């Protein structure tokens, strides 16, 4: 449930719809941010994904969520690390009413946010500081945008969700206590740069009440 509701409690694009190739295998255009419309809009569906990307490129089933949970989602380009997208639905029976979509590394979100960006780079896009949840637990690393260009709802009534992670390896001499566990870390915290913190998960999603108004 937590995963389906877009992480609505965790998370707080001007895209052209994907290019429709004849073989129904459109590729993402990194220069065009994903927007809350078309297959990425609240009115999306499994049927629209199949029509857009091709039946062979869409697999619906249980996927992993936090704390060992699973939830139903439609995965586009499963197994393709650069193109895989995961669509979750409010209405799981009909695979309609988009809850969230986890974007691929080949895509960019609102403002050009991409996987691999540092907190400083995202702050420059947002034009305001933001917060990041402390690391090393199941719900850690998520950004909170209270103000700025990335604060939701964004055009199309969607929200942006970013998850940051520090580098896997760092010096044991570094005191990571200020960025560990259930704390809120300012985006300009020096430790984030020292730990080579970067965006590792990029999603857009909808709060059901707002999307249906």
Protein backbone atom coordinates (compact mmCIF):
# COMPACT_ATOMS: atom_id res chain seq x y z
CA UNK A 1 0.00 0.00 0.00
CA UNK A 2 2.77 2.45 0.90
CA UNK A 3 4.42 1.83 -2.42
CA UNK A 4 1.17 2.17 -4.39
CA UNK A 5 0.21 5.48 -2.94
CA UNK A 6 3.23 6.87 -4.76
CA UNK A 7 4.99 7.20 -1.57
CA UNK A 8 2.45 10.03 -1.26
CA UNK A 9 3.62 10.44 2.31
CA UNK A 10 7.24 10.42 1.25
CA UNK A 11 7.22 12.61 -1.80
CA UNK A 12 5.78 15.54 -1.10
CA UNK A 13 6.73 16.68 -16.89
CA UNK A 14 6.46 19.44 -20.14
CA UNK A 15 7.11 16.22 -22.03
CA UNK A 16 6.14 15.40 -25.34
CA UNK A 17 4.51 12.01 -25.31
CA UNK A 18 7.03 9.29 -26.12
CA UNK A 19 7.99 9.02 -29.76
CA UNK A 20 5.91 6.30 -31.41
CA UNK A 21 8.25 4.09 -33.38
CA UNK A 22 6.82 1.66 -35.89
CA UNK A 23 7.98 -1.32 -33.85
CA UNK A 24 6.37 0.23 -30.74
CA UNK A 25 9.68 0.47 -28.91
CA UNK A 26 10.11 4.25 -28.44
CA UNK A 27 13.24 5.44 -26.74
CA UNK A 28 13.47 8.24 -24.21
CA UNK A 29 14.74 11.61 -25.35
CA UNK A 30 17.03 12.81 -22.52
CA UNK A 31 16.58 16.40 -23.68
CA UNK A 32 12.85 16.29 -22.96
CA UNK A 33 11.76 16.09 -19.30
CA UNK A 34 8.96 13.64 -18.54
CA UNK A 35 5.61 15.34 -17.89
CA UNK A 36 2.33 14.42 -16.21
CA UNK A 37 0.48 13.54 -19.39
CA UNK A 38 -0.06 10.68 -21.78
CA UNK A 39 1.30 7.41 -20.44
CA UNK A 40 2.67 9.38 -17.47
CA UNK A 41 -0.66 11.05 -16.67
CA UNK A 42 -3.12 10.04 -13.96
CA UNK A 43 -5.46 8.64 -16.64
CA UNK A 44 -2.81 6.23 -17.89
CA UNK A 45 -3.46 2.49 -17.90
CA UNK A 46 -1.85 -0.86 -18.60
CA UNK A 47 -3.73 -0.89 -21.90
CA UNK A 48 -2.17 2.44 -22.91
CA UNK A 49 1.31 1.16 -21.98
CA UNK A 50 0.80 -1.89 -24.19
CA UNK A 51 -0.48 0.28 -27.04
CA UNK A 52 2.50 2.63 -26.66
CA UNK A 53 5.39 0.28 -25.97
CA UNK A 54 4.16 -3.04 -27.33
CA UNK A 55 2.73 -6.08 -25.55
CA UNK A 56 6.09 -7.84 -25.40
CA UNK A 57 7.62 -4.89 -23.53
CA UNK A 58 5.04 -4.65 -20.71
CA UNK A 59 4.90 -7.17 -17.86
CA UNK A 60 2.43 -6.81 -14.98
CA UNK A 61 3.01 -8.61 -11.69
CA UNK A 62 4.29 -8.27 -8.16
CA UNK A 63 7.41 -6.13 -7.62
CA UNK A 64 9.44 -5.48 -4.50
CA UNK A 65 8.46 -2.69 -2.10
CA UNK A 66 9.87 -1.47 1.24
CA UNK A 67 10.35 -3.69 4.29
CA UNK A 68 10.01 -6.90 2.30
CA UNK A 69 6.58 -5.99 0.91
CA UNK A 70 5.42 -6.43 -2.69
CA UNK A 71 2.86 -4.61 -4.82
CA UNK A 72 1.28 -4.97 -8.26
CA UNK A 73 2.90 -2.92 -11.01
CA UNK A 74 3.37 -2.85 -14.77
CA UNK A 75 7.03 -2.90 -15.76
CA UNK A 76 8.00 -1.49 -19.16
CA UNK A 77 11.20 -2.86 -20.71
CA UNK A 78 11.80 -5.26 -17.79
CA UNK A 79 15.46 -6.11 -17.28
CA UNK A 80 16.72 -3.22 -19.43
CA UNK A 81 18.66 -1.15 -16.89
CA UNK A 82 18.65 1.99 -19.01
CA UNK A 83 14.98 1.97 -20.06
CA UNK A 84 13.01 0.09 -17.39
CA UNK A 85 10.03 1.96 -15.92
CA UNK A 86 7.69 0.70 -13.18
CA UNK A 87 4.06 1.88 -13.19
CA UNK A 88 1.90 1.38 -10.07
CA UNK A 89 -1.90 1.71 -10.08
CA UNK A 90 -4.52 2.87 -7.61
CA UNK A 91 -7.01 0.53 -9.28
CA UNK A 92 -5.11 -2.74 -9.45
CA UNK A 93 -8.07 -4.71 -10.80
CA UNK A 94 -8.29 -2.65 -14.00
CA UNK A 95 -4.68 -1.40 -14.00
CA UNK A 96 -5.86 2.20 -14.21
CA UNK A 97 -5.46 5.47 -12.25
CA UNK A 98 -1.72 5.92 -12.12
CA UNK A 99 -0.29 6.04 -8.61
CA UNK A 100 3.37 6.41 -9.53
CA UNK A 101 5.96 5.65 -12.14
CA UNK A 102 9.60 5.01 -11.36
CA UNK A 103 11.55 6.49 -14.25
CA UNK A 104 14.62 5.02 -15.90
CA UNK A 105 18.19 6.36 -15.88
CA UNK A 106 17.71 7.40 -19.53
CA UNK A 107 14.92 9.82 -18.61
CA UNK A 108 14.81 13.19 -16.89
CA UNK A 109 12.11 14.54 -14.62
CA UNK A 110 10.76 18.07 -14.14
CA UNK A 111 13.40 20.71 -14.60
CA UNK A 112 15.80 18.15 -16.05
CA UNK A 113 16.40 16.26 -12.80
CA UNK A 114 18.19 12.99 -13.52
CA UNK A 115 19.49 9.94 -11.72
CA UNK A 116 23.12 10.55 -10.75
CA UNK A 117 22.69 14.22 -9.84
CA UNK A 118 24.10 15.58 -6.59
CA UNK A 119 22.02 17.46 -3.99
CA UNK A 120 23.76 20.67 -5.06
CA UNK A 121 22.71 20.15 -8.69
CA UNK A 122 19.10 19.47 -7.69
CA UNK A 123 19.10 22.49 -5.38
CA UNK A 124 20.21 24.66 -8.30
CA UNK A 125 17.24 23.42 -10.35
CA UNK A 126 14.82 23.92 -7.46
CA UNK A 127 16.27 27.38 -6.73
CA UNK A 128 15.62 26.75 -3.04
CA UNK A 129 17.17 24.49 -0.40
CA UNK A 130 15.28 21.30 0.43
CA UNK A 131 15.65 18.40 2.85
CA UNK A 132 16.74 14.79 2.52
CA UNK A 133 15.77 12.02 4.91
CA UNK A 134 18.62 10.34 6.75
CA UNK A 135 20.13 7.23 5.18
CA UNK A 136 20.49 3.54 5.93
CA UNK A 137 16.91 2.52 6.58
CA UNK A 138 14.01 1.45 4.33
CA UNK A 139 12.50 4.92 3.95
CA UNK A 140 15.73 6.89 4.02
CA UNK A 141 17.10 9.28 1.42
CA UNK A 142 13.86 10.77 0.13
CA UNK A 143 13.83 14.47 -0.72
CA UNK A 144 11.24 16.88 0.63
CA UNK A 145 10.47 19.98 -1.42
CA UNK A 146 8.52 22.51 0.64
CA UNK A 147 9.35 25.43 -1.64
CA UNK A 148 10.95 26.00 -5.01
CA UNK A 149 10.34 24.94 -8.60
CA UNK A 150 10.16 21.23 -7.74
CA UNK A 151 7.61 21.61 -4.93
CA UNK A 152 4.31 19.98 -5.88
CA UNK A 153 1.83 19.75 -7.19
CA UNK A 154 3.56 20.32 -10.52
CA UNK A 155 1.74 20.98 -13.82
CA UNK A 156 -0.62 18.06 -14.38
CA UNK A 157 -1.11 17.66 -10.61
CA UNK A 158 1.83 15.31 -10.17
CA UNK A 159 4.52 15.22 -7.53
CA UNK A 160 8.23 14.59 -7.92
CA UNK A 161 9.90 11.99 -5.72
CA UNK A 162 13.68 11.74 -5.49
CA UNK A 163 15.67 9.29 -3.44
CA UNK A 164 19.31 10.00 -2.71
CA UNK A 165 21.97 7.52 -1.61
CA UNK A 166 25.57 8.02 -0.45
CA UNK A 167 28.44 6.14 -2.04
CA UNK A 168 28.67 2.49 -1.06
CA UNK A 169 32.15 2.99 0.31
CA UNK A 170 33.48 5.84 2.42
CA UNK A 171 36.18 6.40 5.02
CA UNK A 172 35.46 4.96 8.47
CA UNK A 173 36.90 8.19 9.86
CA UNK A 174 33.81 10.09 8.69
CA UNK A 175 31.16 10.60 11.36
CA UNK A 176 27.93 9.89 9.49
CA UNK A 177 25.67 10.32 12.53
CA UNK A 178 24.20 13.65 11.29
CA UNK A 179 22.84 11.92 8.14
CA UNK A 180 21.80 8.59 9.64
CA UNK A 181 18.30 7.33 10.43
CA UNK A 182 15.12 9.34 10.93
CA UNK A 183 16.56 12.83 10.58
CA UNK A 184 16.03 15.62 8.06
CA UNK A 185 19.25 16.70 6.37
CA UNK A 186 19.55 20.12 4.65
CA UNK A 187 20.44 19.80 0.98
CA UNK A 188 23.51 21.98 1.52
CA UNK A 189 24.90 19.79 4.33
CA UNK A 190 28.64 19.39 3.64
CA UNK A 191 28.55 15.69 4.54
CA UNK A 192 26.39 14.97 1.51
CA UNK A 193 29.18 16.03 -0.83
CA UNK A 194 31.82 14.23 1.20
CA UNK A 195 29.79 11.01 0.93
CA UNK A 196 29.29 11.54 -2.83
CA UNK A 197 25.50 11.52 -2.39
CA UNK A 198 23.48 11.24 -5.61
CA UNK A 199 19.96 10.65 -6.90
CA UNK A 200 19.40 6.91 -7.23
CA UNK A 201 15.63 6.81 -7.71
CA UNK A 202 13.44 9.19 -9.69
CA UNK A 203 9.64 8.99 -9.73
CA UNK A 204 6.55 11.03 -10.45
CA UNK A 205 3.17 10.25 -8.94
CA UNK A 206 -0.24 11.43 -7.88
CA UNK A 207 -2.23 12.08 -4.71
CA UNK A 208 -5.55 10.40 -5.49
CA UNK A 209 -7.72 13.16 -4.05
CA UNK A 210 -6.08 15.90 -6.13
CA UNK A 211 -5.85 13.84 -9.31
CA UNK A 212 -9.60 13.15 -9.32
CA UNK A 213 -10.80 16.66 -8.49
